[in-house]
Amino acid sequence: MAWKVYTLLLCLFVIILVIIVLRRLYFHPLSRFPGPKLASITSFVLFYVLWTGREKVLVSQSASDLRVSRKVRAESPFF
């Protein structure tokens, strides 16, 4: 009987994950901007970039546009 409960919980977990991935890929307001799909699904890519420091990306957001700049100024307090 316990395996039925575990199977049900596993199925619910998988369904929730699929719903989250589909929402982030297709229905999120930022999904229309190009970029890596793994980065739009999870935060692991951002964590990796920040942890290793291999690629420094500055994202500037406003109400009307989204701009990504790969240039880092020397006076930037964040890098």
N, C-alpha and C. Protein backbone atom coordinates (compact mmCIF):
# COMPACT_ATOMS: atom_id res chain seq x y z
N MET A 1 0.82 -1.20 0.00
CA MET A 1 0.00 0.00 0.00
C MET A 1 0.86 1.27 0.00
N ALA A 2 2.01 1.21 0.66
CA ALA A 2 2.87 2.39 0.76
C ALA A 2 3.46 2.75 -0.60
N TRP A 3 3.72 1.76 -1.44
CA TRP A 3 4.30 2.05 -2.76
C TRP A 3 3.33 2.84 -3.62
N LYS A 4 2.02 2.67 -3.40
CA LYS A 4 1.03 3.44 -4.15
C LYS A 4 1.10 4.92 -3.78
N VAL A 5 1.32 5.18 -2.51
CA VAL A 5 1.43 6.56 -2.06
C VAL A 5 2.68 7.20 -2.64
N TYR A 6 3.79 6.46 -2.60
CA TYR A 6 5.04 6.99 -3.15
C TYR A 6 4.94 7.21 -4.66
N THR A 7 4.27 6.30 -5.34
CA THR A 7 4.08 6.46 -6.78
C THR A 7 3.22 7.67 -7.08
N LEU A 8 2.18 7.87 -6.32
CA LEU A 8 1.31 9.04 -6.50
C LEU A 8 2.08 10.33 -6.24
N LEU A 9 2.87 10.37 -5.18
CA LEU A 9 3.67 11.56 -4.88
C LEU A 9 4.70 11.83 -5.97
N LEU A 10 5.32 10.78 -6.49
CA LEU A 10 6.29 10.95 -7.57
C LEU A 10 5.62 11.48 -8.83
N CYS A 11 4.45 10.97 -9.15
CA CYS A 11 3.71 11.45 -10.33
C CYS A 11 3.31 12.91 -10.17
N LEU A 12 2.86 13.29 -8.99
CA LEU A 12 2.51 14.69 -8.74
C LEU A 12 3.73 15.60 -8.85
N PHE A 13 4.86 15.15 -8.35
CA PHE A 13 6.10 15.92 -8.43
C PHE A 13 6.51 16.13 -9.88
N VAL A 14 6.44 15.09 -10.68
CA VAL A 14 6.81 15.18 -12.09
C VAL A 14 5.84 16.10 -12.84
N ILE A 15 4.57 15.99 -12.56
CA ILE A 15 3.57 16.85 -13.22
C ILE A 15 3.82 18.31 -12.87
N ILE A 16 4.11 18.60 -11.61
CA ILE A 16 4.38 19.97 -11.19
C ILE A 16 5.64 20.50 -11.88
N LEU A 17 6.68 19.68 -11.98
CA LEU A 17 7.90 20.10 -12.67
C LEU A 17 7.64 20.39 -14.15
N VAL A 18 6.85 19.57 -14.80
CA VAL A 18 6.53 19.79 -16.21
C VAL A 18 5.74 21.08 -16.38
N ILE A 19 4.81 21.34 -15.48
CA ILE A 19 4.03 22.59 -15.56
C ILE A 19 4.92 23.80 -15.37
N ILE A 20 5.86 23.73 -14.42
CA ILE A 20 6.78 24.85 -14.19
C ILE A 20 7.66 25.09 -15.41
N VAL A 21 8.19 24.01 -16.00
CA VAL A 21 9.06 24.16 -17.17
C VAL A 21 8.29 24.74 -18.34
N LEU A 22 7.09 24.27 -18.59
CA LEU A 22 6.28 24.79 -19.70
C LEU A 22 5.93 26.26 -19.49
N ARG A 23 5.63 26.62 -18.26
CA ARG A 23 5.31 28.03 -17.99
C ARG A 23 6.53 28.91 -18.23
N ARG A 24 7.68 28.49 -17.75
CA ARG A 24 8.88 29.31 -17.92
C ARG A 24 9.33 29.40 -19.38
N LEU A 25 9.11 28.35 -20.15
CA LEU A 25 9.53 28.36 -21.55
C LEU A 25 8.58 29.11 -22.47
N TYR A 26 7.28 29.01 -22.23
CA TYR A 26 6.32 29.50 -23.21
C TYR A 26 5.38 30.61 -22.71
N PHE A 27 5.11 30.68 -21.42
CA PHE A 27 4.10 31.61 -20.94
C PHE A 27 4.64 32.73 -20.05
N HIS A 28 5.90 32.71 -19.71
CA HIS A 28 6.50 33.76 -18.89
C HIS A 28 6.65 35.03 -19.72
N PRO A 29 6.50 36.21 -19.12
CA PRO A 29 6.64 37.45 -19.89
C PRO A 29 8.01 37.62 -20.56
N LEU A 30 9.06 37.07 -20.00
CA LEU A 30 10.39 37.19 -20.59
C LEU A 30 10.72 36.06 -21.57
N SER A 31 9.79 35.18 -21.83
CA SER A 31 10.08 34.04 -22.71
C SER A 31 10.24 34.45 -24.17
N ARG A 32 9.81 35.64 -24.52
CA ARG A 32 9.95 36.07 -25.93
C ARG A 32 11.34 36.56 -26.25
N PHE A 33 12.18 36.79 -25.24
CA PHE A 33 13.55 37.23 -25.48
C PHE A 33 14.44 36.01 -25.71
N PRO A 34 15.36 36.09 -26.67
CA PRO A 34 16.21 34.92 -26.96
C PRO A 34 17.21 34.65 -25.84
N GLY A 35 17.63 33.43 -25.79
CA GLY A 35 18.62 33.04 -24.80
C GLY A 35 18.64 31.53 -24.64
N PRO A 36 19.57 31.04 -23.86
CA PRO A 36 19.65 29.59 -23.64
C PRO A 36 18.41 29.07 -22.90
N LYS A 37 17.91 27.96 -23.35
CA LYS A 37 16.71 27.38 -22.76
C LYS A 37 16.96 26.89 -21.34
N LEU A 38 18.15 26.34 -21.09
CA LEU A 38 18.46 25.87 -19.74
C LEU A 38 18.47 27.04 -18.76
N ALA A 39 18.96 28.18 -19.20
CA ALA A 39 18.98 29.36 -18.34
C ALA A 39 17.58 29.90 -18.07
N SER A 40 16.66 29.70 -19.00
CA SER A 40 15.31 30.18 -18.77
C SER A 40 14.51 29.22 -17.90
N ILE A 41 14.92 27.97 -17.83
CA ILE A 41 14.21 26.99 -17.01
C ILE A 41 14.70 27.02 -15.57
N THR A 42 16.02 27.09 -15.37
CA THR A 42 16.59 26.99 -14.03
C THR A 42 17.49 28.19 -13.74
N SER A 43 17.95 28.26 -12.52
CA SER A 43 18.91 29.29 -12.11
C SER A 43 20.32 28.73 -12.03
N PHE A 44 20.53 27.50 -12.46
CA PHE A 44 21.84 26.88 -12.35
C PHE A 44 22.89 27.58 -13.22
N VAL A 45 22.49 28.05 -14.38
CA VAL A 45 23.43 28.73 -15.26
C VAL A 45 23.89 30.04 -14.62
N LEU A 46 22.97 30.79 -14.07
CA LEU A 46 23.34 32.03 -13.38
C LEU A 46 24.23 31.75 -12.19
N PHE A 47 23.91 30.72 -11.42
CA PHE A 47 24.74 30.34 -10.29
C PHE A 47 26.15 29.96 -10.75
N TYR A 48 26.26 29.20 -11.83
CA TYR A 48 27.56 28.79 -12.35
C TYR A 48 28.38 29.99 -12.81
N VAL A 49 27.74 30.90 -13.52
CA VAL A 49 28.46 32.08 -14.00
C VAL A 49 28.93 32.94 -12.84
N LEU A 50 28.08 33.13 -11.86
CA LEU A 50 28.47 33.94 -10.71
C LEU A 50 29.53 33.24 -9.86
N TRP A 51 29.46 31.93 -9.74
CA TRP A 51 30.40 31.17 -8.93
C TRP A 51 31.79 31.13 -9.57
N THR A 52 31.84 30.88 -10.86
CA THR A 52 33.15 30.74 -11.52
C THR A 52 33.70 32.07 -11.98
N GLY A 53 32.84 33.03 -12.29
CA GLY A 53 33.29 34.33 -12.75
C GLY A 53 33.84 34.31 -14.16
N ARG A 54 33.51 33.29 -14.92
CA ARG A 54 34.02 33.17 -16.29
C ARG A 54 33.39 34.16 -17.25
N GLU A 55 32.14 34.46 -17.06
CA GLU A 55 31.44 35.35 -17.97
C GLU A 55 30.66 36.35 -17.13
N LYS A 56 30.93 37.60 -17.34
CA LYS A 56 30.24 38.63 -16.58
C LYS A 56 29.19 39.27 -17.47
N VAL A 57 27.95 39.15 -17.07
CA VAL A 57 26.84 39.65 -17.86
C VAL A 57 26.07 40.65 -17.02
N LEU A 58 25.87 41.82 -17.56
CA LEU A 58 25.05 42.83 -16.90
C LEU A 58 23.72 42.90 -17.63
N VAL A 59 22.64 42.80 -16.90
CA VAL A 59 21.32 42.87 -17.50
C VAL A 59 20.66 44.14 -17.01
N SER A 60 20.24 44.96 -17.95
CA SER A 60 19.55 46.20 -17.63
C SER A 60 18.11 46.06 -18.07
N GLN A 61 17.19 46.16 -17.11
CA GLN A 61 15.78 46.01 -17.43
C GLN A 61 15.05 47.32 -17.16
N SER A 62 14.17 47.65 -18.03
CA SER A 62 13.24 48.75 -17.79
C SER A 62 11.86 48.27 -18.23
N ALA A 63 10.90 49.14 -18.17
CA ALA A 63 9.54 48.74 -18.51
C ALA A 63 9.39 48.43 -20.00
N SER A 64 10.25 49.01 -20.84
CA SER A 64 10.04 48.86 -22.27
C SER A 64 11.08 48.02 -22.98
N ASP A 65 12.22 47.75 -22.37
CA ASP A 65 13.24 47.01 -23.10
C ASP A 65 14.04 46.10 -22.18
N LEU A 66 14.79 45.24 -22.80
CA LEU A 66 15.70 44.35 -22.10
C LEU A 66 17.00 44.36 -22.86
N ARG A 67 18.05 44.80 -22.22
CA ARG A 67 19.35 44.88 -22.88
C ARG A 67 20.37 44.08 -22.08
N VAL A 68 21.21 43.37 -22.78
CA VAL A 68 22.27 42.59 -22.15
C VAL A 68 23.59 43.14 -22.65
N SER A 69 24.47 43.44 -21.71
CA SER A 69 25.77 43.98 -22.07
C SER A 69 26.85 43.07 -21.49
N ARG A 70 27.82 42.70 -22.31
CA ARG A 70 28.91 41.86 -21.84
C ARG A 70 30.13 42.69 -21.43
N LYS A 71 30.02 43.98 -21.45
CA LYS A 71 31.11 44.86 -21.05
C LYS A 71 30.98 45.16 -19.57
N VAL A 72 32.08 45.12 -18.89
CA VAL A 72 32.10 45.43 -17.46
C VAL A 72 32.97 46.64 -17.25
N ARG A 73 32.43 47.65 -16.62
CA ARG A 73 33.21 48.84 -16.35
C ARG A 73 34.13 48.59 -15.15
N ALA A 74 35.24 49.27 -15.12
CA ALA A 74 36.20 49.12 -14.04
C ALA A 74 35.63 49.62 -12.71
N GLU A 75 34.75 50.61 -12.76
CA GLU A 75 34.23 51.18 -11.54
C GLU A 75 32.96 50.47 -11.03
N SER A 76 32.59 49.35 -11.64
CA SER A 76 31.41 48.62 -11.23
C SER A 76 31.62 48.04 -9.84
N PRO A 77 30.74 48.31 -8.88
CA PRO A 77 30.91 47.77 -7.53
C PRO A 77 30.58 46.29 -7.42
N PHE A 78 29.97 45.72 -8.46
CA PHE A 78 29.53 44.34 -8.38
C PHE A 78 30.55 43.33 -8.89
N PHE A 79 31.52 43.76 -9.69
CA PHE A 79 32.47 42.82 -10.27
C PHE A 79 33.86 43.22 -9.96
